C-alpha atoms as a PDB file:
ATOM      1  CA  VAL A   1     -10.888   8.172 -15.165  1.00  0.00           C
ATOM      2  CA  SER A   2     -12.470   9.199 -18.668  1.00  0.00           C
ATOM      3  CA  ARG A   3     -15.847   9.551 -16.428  1.00  0.00           C
ATOM      4  CA  GLN A   4     -16.560  10.324 -12.744  1.00  0.00           C
ATOM      5  CA  GLU A   5     -18.606   7.241 -12.559  1.00  0.00           C
ATOM      6  CA  GLU A   6     -15.565   5.222 -13.421  1.00  0.00           C
ATOM      7  CA  LEU A   7     -13.495   6.478 -10.435  1.00  0.00           C
ATOM      8  CA  GLN A   8     -15.340   4.364  -8.266  1.00  0.00           C
ATOM      9  CA  ASN A   9     -14.376   1.201 -10.181  1.00  0.00           C
ATOM     10  CA  VAL A  10     -10.557   2.398 -10.075  1.00  0.00           C
ATOM     11  CA  ILE A  11     -10.114   3.370  -6.366  1.00  0.00           C
ATOM     12  CA  THR A  12     -11.743  -0.162  -5.246  1.00  0.00           C
ATOM     13  CA  PRO A  13      -8.599  -2.428  -4.442  1.00  0.00           C
ATOM     14  CA  ALA A  14      -6.896   0.377  -2.456  1.00  0.00           C
ATOM     15  CA  THR A  15     -10.052   0.769  -0.009  1.00  0.00           C
ATOM     16  CA  THR A  16     -10.382  -2.839   0.158  1.00  0.00           C
ATOM     17  CA  LEU A  17      -6.583  -3.100   0.793  1.00  0.00           C
ATOM     18  CA  ALA A  18      -7.062  -0.050   3.994  1.00  0.00           C
ATOM     19  CA  LEU A  19     -10.405  -2.381   5.438  1.00  0.00           C
ATOM     20  CA  VAL A  20      -8.166  -5.269   5.199  1.00  0.00           C
ATOM     21  CA  SER A  21      -5.424  -3.583   7.023  1.00  0.00           C
ATOM     22  CA  PHE A  22      -7.954  -2.167   9.658  1.00  0.00           C
ATOM     23  CA  PHE A  23      -9.503  -5.127  10.465  1.00  0.00           C
ATOM     24  CA  ALA A  24      -6.070  -7.042  10.459  1.00  0.00           C
ATOM     25  CA  THR A  25      -5.296  -4.784  13.656  1.00  0.00           C
ATOM     26  CA  PHE A  26      -8.779  -6.362  15.665  1.00  0.00           C
ATOM     27  CA  PHE A  27      -6.579  -9.833  15.030  1.00  0.00           C
ATOM     28  CA  VAL A  28      -3.123  -8.806  16.307  1.00  0.00           C
ATOM     29  CA  ALA A  29      -4.439  -7.112  19.306  1.00  0.00           C
ATOM     30  CA  GLU A  30      -6.067 -10.053  20.204  1.00  0.00           C
ATOM     31  CA  ASN A  31      -3.070 -11.971  19.290  1.00  0.00           C
ATOM     32  CA  PRO A  32       0.046  -9.494  19.062  1.00  0.00           C
ATOM     33  CA  ASP A  33       2.694 -12.322  19.412  1.00  0.00           C
ATOM     34  CA  SER A  34       1.454 -14.550  16.793  1.00  0.00           C
ATOM     35  CA  PRO A  35       3.888 -15.408  13.550  1.00  0.00           C
ATOM     36  CA  VAL A  36       0.620 -14.247  11.654  1.00  0.00           C
ATOM     37  CA  SER A  37       0.707 -10.718  14.056  1.00  0.00           C
ATOM     38  CA  ARG A  38       4.783 -10.695  13.212  1.00  0.00           C
ATOM     39  CA  VAL A  39       4.651 -10.396   9.915  1.00  0.00           C
ATOM     40  CA  LEU A  40       1.548  -8.454   9.125  1.00  0.00           C
ATOM     41  CA  ALA A  41       3.552  -5.355  11.450  1.00  0.00           C
ATOM     42  CA  LEU A  42       6.138  -5.719   8.978  1.00  0.00           C
ATOM     43  CA  VAL A  43       4.429  -5.938   5.988  1.00  0.00           C
ATOM     44  CA  PRO A  44       3.193  -2.694   3.863  1.00  0.00           C
ATOM     45  CA  PRO A  45       0.947  -1.726   3.780  1.00  0.00           C
ATOM     46  CA  PHE A  46      -0.531  -3.701   6.966  1.00  0.00           C
ATOM     47  CA  SER A  47       2.413  -2.386   9.066  1.00  0.00           C
ATOM     48  CA  ALA A  48       1.391   1.240   9.008  1.00  0.00           C
ATOM     49  CA  LEU A  49      -1.610   0.120  11.376  1.00  0.00           C
ATOM     50  CA  THR A  50      -1.081  -3.176  13.194  1.00  0.00           C
ATOM     51  CA  MET A  51       2.764  -1.994  14.392  1.00  0.00           C
ATOM     52  CA  PRO A  52       1.409   0.909  16.236  1.00  0.00           C
ATOM     53  CA  VAL A  53      -0.775  -1.596  18.007  1.00  0.00           C
ATOM     54  CA  ARG A  54       1.924  -4.030  18.650  1.00  0.00           C
ATOM     55  CA  ALA A  55       4.223  -0.948  19.511  1.00  0.00           C
ATOM     56  CA  ALA A  56       1.412   0.237  22.051  1.00  0.00           C
ATOM     57  CA  ARG A  57       0.869  -3.327  24.112  1.00  0.00           C
ATOM     58  CA  GLY A  58       4.899  -3.280  24.478  1.00  0.00           C
ATOM     59  CA  ASP A  59       4.461  -6.565  21.921  1.00  0.00           C
ATOM     60  CA  ALA A  60       7.402  -4.761  19.478  1.00  0.00           C
ATOM     61  CA  ALA A  61      10.969  -5.517  19.762  1.00  0.00           C
ATOM     62  CA  PRO A  62      13.077  -2.782  19.710  1.00  0.00           C
ATOM     63  CA  TRP A  63      14.365  -3.219  16.343  1.00  0.00           C
ATOM     64  CA  GLU A  64      10.982  -4.709  14.737  1.00  0.00           C
ATOM     65  CA  VAL A  65       9.646  -0.830  14.653  1.00  0.00           C
ATOM     66  CA  PRO A  66      12.258   0.818  12.535  1.00  0.00           C
ATOM     67  CA  LEU A  67      12.503  -2.458  10.290  1.00  0.00           C
ATOM     68  CA  ALA A  68       8.445  -1.411   9.845  1.00  0.00           C
ATOM     69  CA  VAL A  69       9.236   1.598   8.837  1.00  0.00           C
ATOM     70  CA  ALA A  70      12.199   1.730   6.618  1.00  0.00           C
ATOM     71  CA  LEU A  71      10.121  -1.148   4.655  1.00  0.00           C
ATOM     72  CA  LEU A  72       7.140   1.078   4.362  1.00  0.00           C
ATOM     73  CA  LEU A  73       9.175   4.451   3.242  1.00  0.00           C
ATOM     74  CA  ALA A  74      10.505   2.202   0.343  1.00  0.00           C
ATOM     75  CA  LEU A  75       7.212   0.722  -0.586  1.00  0.00           C
ATOM     76  CA  VAL A  76       6.374   4.042  -0.334  1.00  0.00           C
ATOM     77  CA  ALA A  77       9.468   5.071  -2.707  1.00  0.00           C
ATOM     78  CA  VAL A  78       8.948   2.760  -4.862  1.00  0.00           C
ATOM     79  CA  LEU A  79       5.508   3.493  -5.110  1.00  0.00           C
ATOM     80  CA  VAL A  80       6.335   7.032  -6.029  1.00  0.00           C
ATOM     81  CA  VAL A  81       8.145   5.742  -9.461  1.00  0.00           C
ATOM     82  CA  VAL A  82       5.775   3.735 -10.403  1.00  0.00           C
ATOM     83  CA  ALA A  83       2.734   6.127 -10.561  1.00  0.00           C
ATOM     84  CA  GLY A  84       4.379   9.073 -11.607  1.00  0.00           C
ATOM     85  CA  ARG A  85       5.632   6.835 -14.674  1.00  0.00           C
ATOM     86  CA  VAL A  86       1.886   5.380 -15.238  1.00  0.00           C
ATOM     87  CA  TYR A  87       0.819   9.130 -15.101  1.00  0.00           C
ATOM     88  CA  ASP A  88       3.384  10.107 -17.241  1.00  0.00           C
ATOM     89  CA  GLY A  89       2.714   7.656 -19.807  1.00  0.00           C
ATOM     90  CA  ALA A  90      -1.062   8.232 -19.391  1.00  0.00           C
ATOM     91  CA  VAL A  91      -1.642  11.520 -18.400  1.00  0.00           C
ATOM     92  CA  LEU A  92      -2.754  13.229 -22.020  1.00  0.00           C
ATOM     93  CA  ARG A  93      -4.257   9.835 -23.867  1.00  0.00           C
ATOM     94  CA  THR A  94      -7.683  10.578 -24.248  1.00  0.00           C
ATOM     95  CA  GLY A  95     -10.501   8.541 -25.869  1.00  0.00           C
ATOM     96  CA  THR A  96      -9.775   4.813 -24.944  1.00  0.00           C
ATOM     97  CA  LYS A  97      -8.953   3.078 -21.596  1.00  0.00           C
ATOM     98  CA  VAL A  98      -5.392   3.128 -21.350  1.00  0.00           C
ATOM     99  CA  ARG A  99      -4.063  -0.312 -20.156  1.00  0.00           C
ATOM    100  CA  PHE A 100      -1.697  -0.114 -17.646  1.00  0.00           C
ATOM    101  CA  GLY A 101       1.466  -2.172 -19.967  1.00  0.00           C
ATOM    102  CA  ASP A 102       0.781   0.622 -22.271  1.00  0.00           C
ATOM    103  CA  ALA A 103       0.963   3.438 -19.882  1.00  0.00           C
ATOM    104  CA  TRP A 104       4.519   2.061 -18.308  1.00  0.00           C
ATOM    105  CA  ARG A 105       5.849   1.327 -21.910  1.00  0.00           C
ATOM    106  CA  ALA A 106       4.364   4.903 -22.813  1.00  0.00           C
ATOM    107  CA  GLY A 107       6.206   6.503 -19.697  1.00  0.00           C
ATOM    108  CA  ARG A 108       9.770   7.668 -19.429  1.00  0.00           C
ATOM    109  CA  GLY A 109      11.768   5.286 -17.818  1.00  0.00           C
ATOM    110  CA  ARG A 110      14.350   6.506 -16.102  1.00  0.00           C
END
C-alpha cells in the first residue's frame, strides 16, 4: 500500500477468512461427524483451526490429521511462491496502484 490508511482494505480478506475459520470451529465442535465438518477439517485454511477440534474429541480418523497437515503445508508452499513473485513484481513500483496481474507478469517466474 502507498498509505497507512489503505492497509485495512488490503488485509480485510485475510481477516475475514480467519474469522470464518474461527466460527467454523464452533460448528465442528457441535457436529464433528457431519460431512461439512469432515471437509472443513481437511481443506486449508479451515483445517488449521477445525482439525485440532476433531482430533481432540477423538472424531478424526488416523489418516485425516497427516492429510490435513500435508494439504496445509502444500498451500503454504504455493502461497510463498505466489507472494514472492507478486512482491518481486511490485516492490519497486511507486505512484499508482499496482494491479495483481501486472505485478504477476512483472515478477520473475522461475
